[in-house]
Each structure stands twice: as structure tokens, then as C-alpha cells.
């Protein structure tokens, strides 16, 4: 099964502009195939990778790291240790961000509790 760029945009909640950018910036695992009229046709493997790419970007992985990771995946077996190191490093970064956001949320929750308590007491 193949999908048009508009269908992939709908499935991934990305814009067609973003999908074209990912293709131009060498972030995809394989060249996107084209139909007889030259329109892009994505397959299920393309869509799975785009979803993963979106997750990496949404969690703050820099484009250069995503590009490096994609390059390693494209190169096939034999570099799994490098791929693992990239993902472990990114996991460390995401966990640190999560801890910081959790601390900020705790402070916000504390302020909410103070205001709710003050309003309940009528002051």
C-alpha cells in the first residue's frame, strides 16, 4: 500500500512542507518513490520512520543527531552500538527535561493549592 503526501500529512499530523523538508534534509531512510506523474508515494515503512522521526524531534533531538541516526540506520547492520549510544544519550536528555518540567509543575500545583485554600477561606 502506498500513500500520497497529503495522506501521510494527515496520518502524521505534519504539513506537506515538513515532509518535503525531511526529504530534502536527508532525514528519511530511503528516497521517496514517485508515481508515473512524479507525485510522491510513501509506503508503510516510510510512514513508520516519519512517526519515529517526529517523536525524536518532538522530544528535542537536534536535526544533526536525527540525520546521523538516519544515516546509521540506512547503512544497515554493524553500527547498532552507535545507534544505541545516540538513543541512550537522547533518553538521558529527555529524562532531564522531564524532571525539570515535573519540578516546575510541582511549583505551579503549590501555587494553585495556595489560591484554592485562600478562596475557600474567603480571603
N, C-alpha and C. Protein backbone atom coordinates (compact mmCIF):
# COMPACT_ATOMS: atom_id res chain seq x y z
N UNK A 1 0.84 -1.17 0.00
CA UNK A 1 0.00 0.00 0.00
C UNK A 1 0.89 1.24 0.00
N UNK A 2 0.51 2.22 -0.78
CA UNK A 2 1.26 3.48 -0.80
C UNK A 2 0.30 4.63 -0.52
N UNK A 3 0.91 5.76 -0.12
CA UNK A 3 0.14 6.93 0.30
C UNK A 3 0.69 8.18 -0.37
N UNK A 4 -0.20 9.10 -0.65
CA UNK A 4 0.21 10.39 -1.19
C UNK A 4 0.81 11.23 -0.07
N UNK A 5 1.43 12.32 -0.43
CA UNK A 5 1.99 13.20 0.59
C UNK A 5 0.89 13.78 1.47
N UNK A 6 -0.27 14.06 0.90
CA UNK A 6 -1.39 14.59 1.69
C UNK A 6 -1.88 13.54 2.69
N UNK A 7 -1.94 12.28 2.26
CA UNK A 7 -2.37 11.21 3.17
C UNK A 7 -1.37 11.03 4.31
N UNK A 8 -0.09 11.11 4.00
CA UNK A 8 0.93 10.97 5.05
C UNK A 8 0.87 12.17 5.99
N UNK A 9 0.64 13.34 5.45
CA UNK A 9 0.50 14.53 6.30
C UNK A 9 -0.66 14.34 7.27
N UNK A 10 -1.78 13.83 6.78
CA UNK A 10 -2.94 13.58 7.65
C UNK A 10 -2.62 12.53 8.71
N UNK A 11 -1.96 11.46 8.31
CA UNK A 11 -1.65 10.36 9.24
C UNK A 11 -0.66 10.77 10.33
N UNK A 12 0.24 11.69 9.99
CA UNK A 12 1.33 12.03 10.92
C UNK A 12 1.14 13.39 11.59
N UNK A 13 0.11 14.12 11.20
CA UNK A 13 -0.15 15.48 11.72
C UNK A 13 1.01 16.43 11.39
N UNK A 14 1.67 16.18 10.27
CA UNK A 14 2.71 17.07 9.78
C UNK A 14 2.18 17.80 8.55
N UNK A 15 2.83 18.86 8.19
CA UNK A 15 2.46 19.54 6.95
C UNK A 15 3.20 18.90 5.78
N UNK A 16 2.68 19.11 4.59
CA UNK A 16 3.39 18.63 3.41
C UNK A 16 4.73 19.33 3.29
N UNK A 17 4.78 20.59 3.72
CA UNK A 17 6.05 21.34 3.70
C UNK A 17 7.09 20.62 4.58
N UNK A 18 6.69 20.19 5.76
CA UNK A 18 7.60 19.49 6.68
C UNK A 18 8.06 18.17 6.06
N UNK A 19 7.15 17.45 5.45
CA UNK A 19 7.54 16.18 4.81
C UNK A 19 8.55 16.41 3.70
N UNK A 20 8.35 17.45 2.91
CA UNK A 20 9.31 17.77 1.85
C UNK A 20 10.66 18.18 2.45
N UNK A 21 10.60 18.94 3.55
CA UNK A 21 11.83 19.35 4.23
C UNK A 21 12.60 18.12 4.72
N UNK A 22 11.91 17.18 5.36
CA UNK A 22 12.57 15.97 5.85
C UNK A 22 13.25 15.24 4.70
N UNK A 23 12.59 15.21 3.56
CA UNK A 23 13.17 14.54 2.38
C UNK A 23 14.41 15.30 1.89
N UNK A 24 14.29 16.61 1.76
CA UNK A 24 15.43 17.43 1.27
C UNK A 24 16.61 17.39 2.22
N UNK A 25 16.33 17.34 3.52
CA UNK A 25 17.39 17.42 4.51
C UNK A 25 17.99 16.05 4.86
N UNK A 26 17.66 15.05 4.05
CA UNK A 26 18.27 13.72 4.18
C UNK A 26 17.95 13.06 5.51
N UNK A 27 16.70 13.22 5.96
CA UNK A 27 16.29 12.64 7.23
C UNK A 27 15.51 11.34 7.06
N UNK A 28 15.12 11.04 5.84
CA UNK A 28 14.37 9.81 5.57
C UNK A 28 15.34 8.67 5.32
N UNK A 29 14.84 7.45 5.46
CA UNK A 29 15.71 6.29 5.31
C UNK A 29 15.96 5.91 3.87
N UNK A 30 15.03 6.26 3.00
CA UNK A 30 15.17 5.90 1.59
C UNK A 30 14.54 7.01 0.76
N UNK A 31 14.95 7.12 -0.48
CA UNK A 31 14.29 8.12 -1.33
C UNK A 31 12.80 7.79 -1.45
N UNK A 32 11.98 8.81 -1.44
CA UNK A 32 10.54 8.61 -1.58
C UNK A 32 10.27 8.25 -3.03
N UNK A 33 9.52 7.18 -3.23
CA UNK A 33 9.22 6.77 -4.60
C UNK A 33 8.23 7.75 -5.24
N UNK A 34 8.15 7.69 -6.54
CA UNK A 34 7.26 8.57 -7.30
C UNK A 34 6.38 7.72 -8.21
N UNK A 35 5.17 8.23 -8.45
CA UNK A 35 4.31 7.55 -9.42
C UNK A 35 4.64 8.02 -10.82
N UNK A 36 3.90 7.55 -11.80
CA UNK A 36 4.17 7.89 -13.18
C UNK A 36 4.11 9.38 -13.48
N UNK A 37 3.34 10.10 -12.68
CA UNK A 37 3.21 11.56 -12.86
C UNK A 37 4.21 12.33 -12.02
N UNK A 38 5.09 11.61 -11.30
CA UNK A 38 6.11 12.28 -10.49
C UNK A 38 5.66 12.65 -9.09
N UNK A 39 4.48 12.23 -8.70
CA UNK A 39 3.98 12.53 -7.34
C UNK A 39 4.59 11.56 -6.33
N UNK A 40 4.90 12.08 -5.17
CA UNK A 40 5.48 11.25 -4.11
C UNK A 40 4.51 10.15 -3.70
N UNK A 41 5.07 8.96 -3.44
CA UNK A 41 4.30 7.83 -2.93
C UNK A 41 5.08 7.24 -1.77
N UNK A 42 4.50 7.28 -0.60
CA UNK A 42 5.13 6.77 0.61
C UNK A 42 4.58 5.38 0.91
N UNK A 43 5.43 4.51 1.45
CA UNK A 43 4.94 3.19 1.86
C UNK A 43 4.87 3.13 3.39
N UNK A 44 4.44 1.98 3.91
CA UNK A 44 4.27 1.84 5.37
C UNK A 44 5.59 2.03 6.12
N UNK A 45 6.69 1.56 5.55
CA UNK A 45 8.00 1.74 6.18
C UNK A 45 8.34 3.23 6.27
N UNK A 46 8.06 3.98 5.21
CA UNK A 46 8.29 5.43 5.23
C UNK A 46 7.49 6.07 6.36
N UNK A 47 6.23 5.69 6.47
CA UNK A 47 5.35 6.30 7.48
C UNK A 47 5.84 5.95 8.89
N UNK A 48 6.23 4.69 9.11
CA UNK A 48 6.75 4.31 10.43
C UNK A 48 7.98 5.14 10.79
N UNK A 49 8.88 5.32 9.83
CA UNK A 49 10.09 6.12 10.09
C UNK A 49 9.72 7.57 10.37
N UNK A 50 8.81 8.13 9.60
CA UNK A 50 8.40 9.52 9.80
C UNK A 50 7.80 9.70 11.19
N UNK A 51 7.03 8.74 11.67
CA UNK A 51 6.48 8.79 13.03
C UNK A 51 7.61 8.79 14.05
N UNK A 52 8.61 7.93 13.86
CA UNK A 52 9.76 7.89 14.77
C UNK A 52 10.54 9.20 14.71
N UNK A 53 10.76 9.68 13.53
CA UNK A 53 11.46 10.95 13.33
C UNK A 53 10.73 12.08 14.06
N UNK A 54 9.41 12.09 13.95
CA UNK A 54 8.60 13.10 14.63
C UNK A 54 8.75 12.99 16.15
N UNK A 55 8.80 11.77 16.65
CA UNK A 55 8.98 11.58 18.10
C UNK A 55 10.35 12.08 18.55
N UNK A 56 11.37 11.79 17.78
CA UNK A 56 12.71 12.27 18.14
C UNK A 56 12.75 13.79 18.14
N UNK A 57 12.19 14.40 17.12
CA UNK A 57 12.18 15.87 17.04
C UNK A 57 11.31 16.47 18.13
N UNK A 58 10.16 15.87 18.41
CA UNK A 58 9.25 16.40 19.42
C UNK A 58 9.84 16.35 20.82
N UNK A 59 10.78 15.46 21.01
CA UNK A 59 11.44 15.36 22.31
C UNK A 59 12.78 16.09 22.32
N UNK A 60 13.02 16.88 21.29
CA UNK A 60 14.16 17.78 21.31
C UNK A 60 15.45 17.29 20.69
N UNK A 61 15.43 16.16 19.99
CA UNK A 61 16.67 15.72 19.36
C UNK A 61 17.02 16.70 18.24
N UNK A 62 18.25 17.21 18.25
CA UNK A 62 18.66 18.13 17.19
C UNK A 62 18.66 17.45 15.81
N UNK A 63 18.40 18.24 14.79
CA UNK A 63 18.37 17.73 13.41
C UNK A 63 19.67 17.00 13.08
N UNK A 64 20.81 17.54 13.49
CA UNK A 64 22.08 16.89 13.14
C UNK A 64 22.17 15.48 13.74
N UNK A 65 21.59 15.29 14.95
CA UNK A 65 21.59 13.96 15.56
C UNK A 65 20.61 13.04 14.85
N UNK A 66 19.46 13.57 14.48
CA UNK A 66 18.48 12.77 13.73
C UNK A 66 19.10 12.35 12.40
N UNK A 67 19.77 13.27 11.74
CA UNK A 67 20.42 12.97 10.46
C UNK A 67 21.46 11.86 10.65
N UNK A 68 22.26 11.97 11.69
CA UNK A 68 23.29 10.95 11.98
C UNK A 68 22.64 9.60 12.26
N UNK A 69 21.59 9.60 13.07
CA UNK A 69 20.88 8.36 13.38
C UNK A 69 20.30 7.74 12.10
N UNK A 70 19.67 8.56 11.27
CA UNK A 70 19.10 8.07 10.00
C UNK A 70 20.20 7.49 9.11
N UNK A 71 21.34 8.16 9.07
CA UNK A 71 22.46 7.67 8.27
C UNK A 71 22.91 6.29 8.74
N UNK A 72 23.00 6.12 10.04
CA UNK A 72 23.40 4.83 10.60
C UNK A 72 22.39 3.75 10.25
N UNK A 73 21.10 4.06 10.39
CA UNK A 73 20.06 3.09 10.05
C UNK A 73 20.14 2.72 8.57
N UNK A 74 20.32 3.72 7.72
CA UNK A 74 20.45 3.47 6.27
C UNK A 74 21.63 2.57 5.96
N UNK A 75 22.70 2.71 6.73
CA UNK A 75 23.90 1.91 6.47
C UNK A 75 23.74 0.44 6.84
N UNK A 76 22.67 0.10 7.54
CA UNK A 76 22.36 -1.29 7.84
C UNK A 76 23.10 -1.83 9.04
N UNK A 77 23.10 -3.15 9.18
CA UNK A 77 23.70 -3.80 10.35
C UNK A 77 25.18 -3.48 10.50
N UNK A 78 25.63 -3.56 11.76
CA UNK A 78 27.04 -3.36 12.05
C UNK A 78 27.33 -2.10 12.82
N UNK A 79 26.33 -1.22 12.96
CA UNK A 79 26.57 0.03 13.70
C UNK A 79 25.55 0.22 14.83
N UNK A 80 24.98 -0.88 15.26
CA UNK A 80 23.95 -0.81 16.30
C UNK A 80 24.46 -0.16 17.59
N UNK A 81 25.76 -0.35 17.90
CA UNK A 81 26.31 0.27 19.11
C UNK A 81 26.24 1.79 19.01
N UNK A 82 26.51 2.35 17.84
CA UNK A 82 26.43 3.80 17.66
C UNK A 82 24.98 4.28 17.75
N UNK A 83 24.07 3.53 17.14
CA UNK A 83 22.65 3.88 17.22
C UNK A 83 22.18 3.87 18.67
N UNK A 84 22.57 2.84 19.38
CA UNK A 84 22.18 2.71 20.78
C UNK A 84 22.71 3.87 21.61
N UNK A 85 23.93 4.28 21.36
CA UNK A 85 24.51 5.40 22.11
C UNK A 85 23.76 6.70 21.83
N UNK A 86 23.38 6.91 20.58
CA UNK A 86 22.60 8.11 20.25
C UNK A 86 21.28 8.09 21.01
N UNK A 87 20.59 6.95 20.98
CA UNK A 87 19.29 6.87 21.65
C UNK A 87 19.42 6.95 23.17
N UNK A 88 20.44 6.34 23.73
CA UNK A 88 20.66 6.44 25.18
C UNK A 88 20.95 7.88 25.59
N UNK A 89 21.77 8.57 24.80
CA UNK A 89 22.05 9.97 25.09
C UNK A 89 20.80 10.82 25.02
N UNK A 90 19.98 10.55 24.02
CA UNK A 90 18.73 11.30 23.89
C UNK A 90 17.79 10.99 25.04
N UNK A 91 17.73 9.73 25.45
CA UNK A 91 16.90 9.35 26.60
C UNK A 91 17.34 10.11 27.84
N UNK A 92 18.66 10.23 28.06
CA UNK A 92 19.16 10.99 29.22
C UNK A 92 18.66 12.44 29.16
N UNK A 93 18.75 13.03 27.97
CA UNK A 93 18.29 14.42 27.80
C UNK A 93 16.79 14.55 28.07
N UNK A 94 16.00 13.61 27.54
CA UNK A 94 14.55 13.65 27.72
C UNK A 94 14.20 13.46 29.19
N UNK A 95 14.87 12.56 29.87
CA UNK A 95 14.60 12.35 31.30
C UNK A 95 14.94 13.59 32.11
N UNK A 96 16.02 14.27 31.76
CA UNK A 96 16.38 15.51 32.46
C UNK A 96 15.32 16.59 32.22
N UNK A 97 14.85 16.69 30.98
CA UNK A 97 13.79 17.66 30.67
C UNK A 97 12.52 17.32 31.43
N UNK A 98 12.19 16.04 31.47
CA UNK A 98 11.00 15.59 32.18
C UNK A 98 11.09 15.91 33.68
N UNK A 99 12.25 15.71 34.26
CA UNK A 99 12.44 16.02 35.68
C UNK A 99 12.27 17.52 35.93
N UNK A 100 12.81 18.34 35.04
CA UNK A 100 12.68 19.79 35.19
C UNK A 100 11.23 20.22 35.06
N UNK A 101 10.53 19.69 34.07
CA UNK A 101 9.11 20.05 33.88
C UNK A 101 8.29 19.57 35.07
N UNK A 102 8.60 18.40 35.59
CA UNK A 102 7.89 17.88 36.76
C UNK A 102 8.10 18.80 37.96
N UNK A 103 9.31 19.30 38.14
CA UNK A 103 9.59 20.24 39.24
C UNK A 103 8.81 21.54 39.04
N UNK A 104 8.78 22.03 37.82
CA UNK A 104 8.02 23.26 37.55
C UNK A 104 6.54 23.04 37.80
N UNK A 105 6.04 21.88 37.40
CA UNK A 105 4.63 21.56 37.63
C UNK A 105 4.34 21.51 39.12
N UNK A 106 5.25 20.96 39.89
CA UNK A 106 5.07 20.92 41.33
C UNK A 106 4.93 22.32 41.93
N UNK A 107 5.73 23.26 41.45
CA UNK A 107 5.64 24.64 41.92
C UNK A 107 4.30 25.25 41.53
N UNK A 108 3.84 24.98 40.33
CA UNK A 108 2.55 25.50 39.88
C UNK A 108 1.43 24.91 40.71
N UNK A 109 1.50 23.61 40.95
CA UNK A 109 0.49 22.94 41.80
C UNK A 109 0.46 23.55 43.19
N UNK A 110 1.64 23.87 43.73
CA UNK A 110 1.70 24.52 45.04
C UNK A 110 1.00 25.86 45.05
N UNK A 111 1.22 26.66 44.04
CA UNK A 111 0.55 27.97 43.94
C UNK A 111 -0.96 27.81 43.81
N UNK A 112 -1.39 26.85 42.99
CA UNK A 112 -2.82 26.60 42.84
C UNK A 112 -3.43 26.24 44.19
N UNK A 113 -2.76 25.38 44.94
CA UNK A 113 -3.26 24.98 46.26
C UNK A 113 -3.38 26.19 47.19
N UNK A 114 -2.40 27.10 47.14
CA UNK A 114 -2.47 28.30 47.98
C UNK A 114 -3.68 29.16 47.63
N UNK A 115 -3.91 29.38 46.33
CA UNK A 115 -5.05 30.20 45.91
C UNK A 115 -6.37 29.52 46.22
N UNK A 116 -6.45 28.21 46.00
CA UNK A 116 -7.69 27.49 46.31
C UNK A 116 -8.00 27.54 47.80
N UNK A 117 -6.95 27.39 48.60
CA UNK A 117 -7.14 27.46 50.05
C UNK A 117 -7.59 28.86 50.46
N UNK A 118 -6.96 29.88 49.91
CA UNK A 118 -7.34 31.26 50.24
C UNK A 118 -8.78 31.54 49.82
N UNK A 119 -9.17 31.10 48.66
CA UNK A 119 -10.55 31.32 48.20
C UNK A 119 -11.55 30.55 49.05
N UNK A 120 -11.20 29.34 49.49
CA UNK A 120 -12.08 28.54 50.33
C UNK A 120 -12.29 29.19 51.70
N UNK A 121 -11.24 29.88 52.17
CA UNK A 121 -11.36 30.58 53.47
C UNK A 121 -12.04 31.93 53.32
N UNK A 122 -12.27 32.32 52.06
CA UNK A 122 -12.95 33.59 51.82
C UNK A 122 -12.05 34.81 51.90
N UNK A 123 -10.78 34.61 51.76
CA UNK A 123 -9.88 35.77 51.80
C UNK A 123 -9.27 36.06 50.47
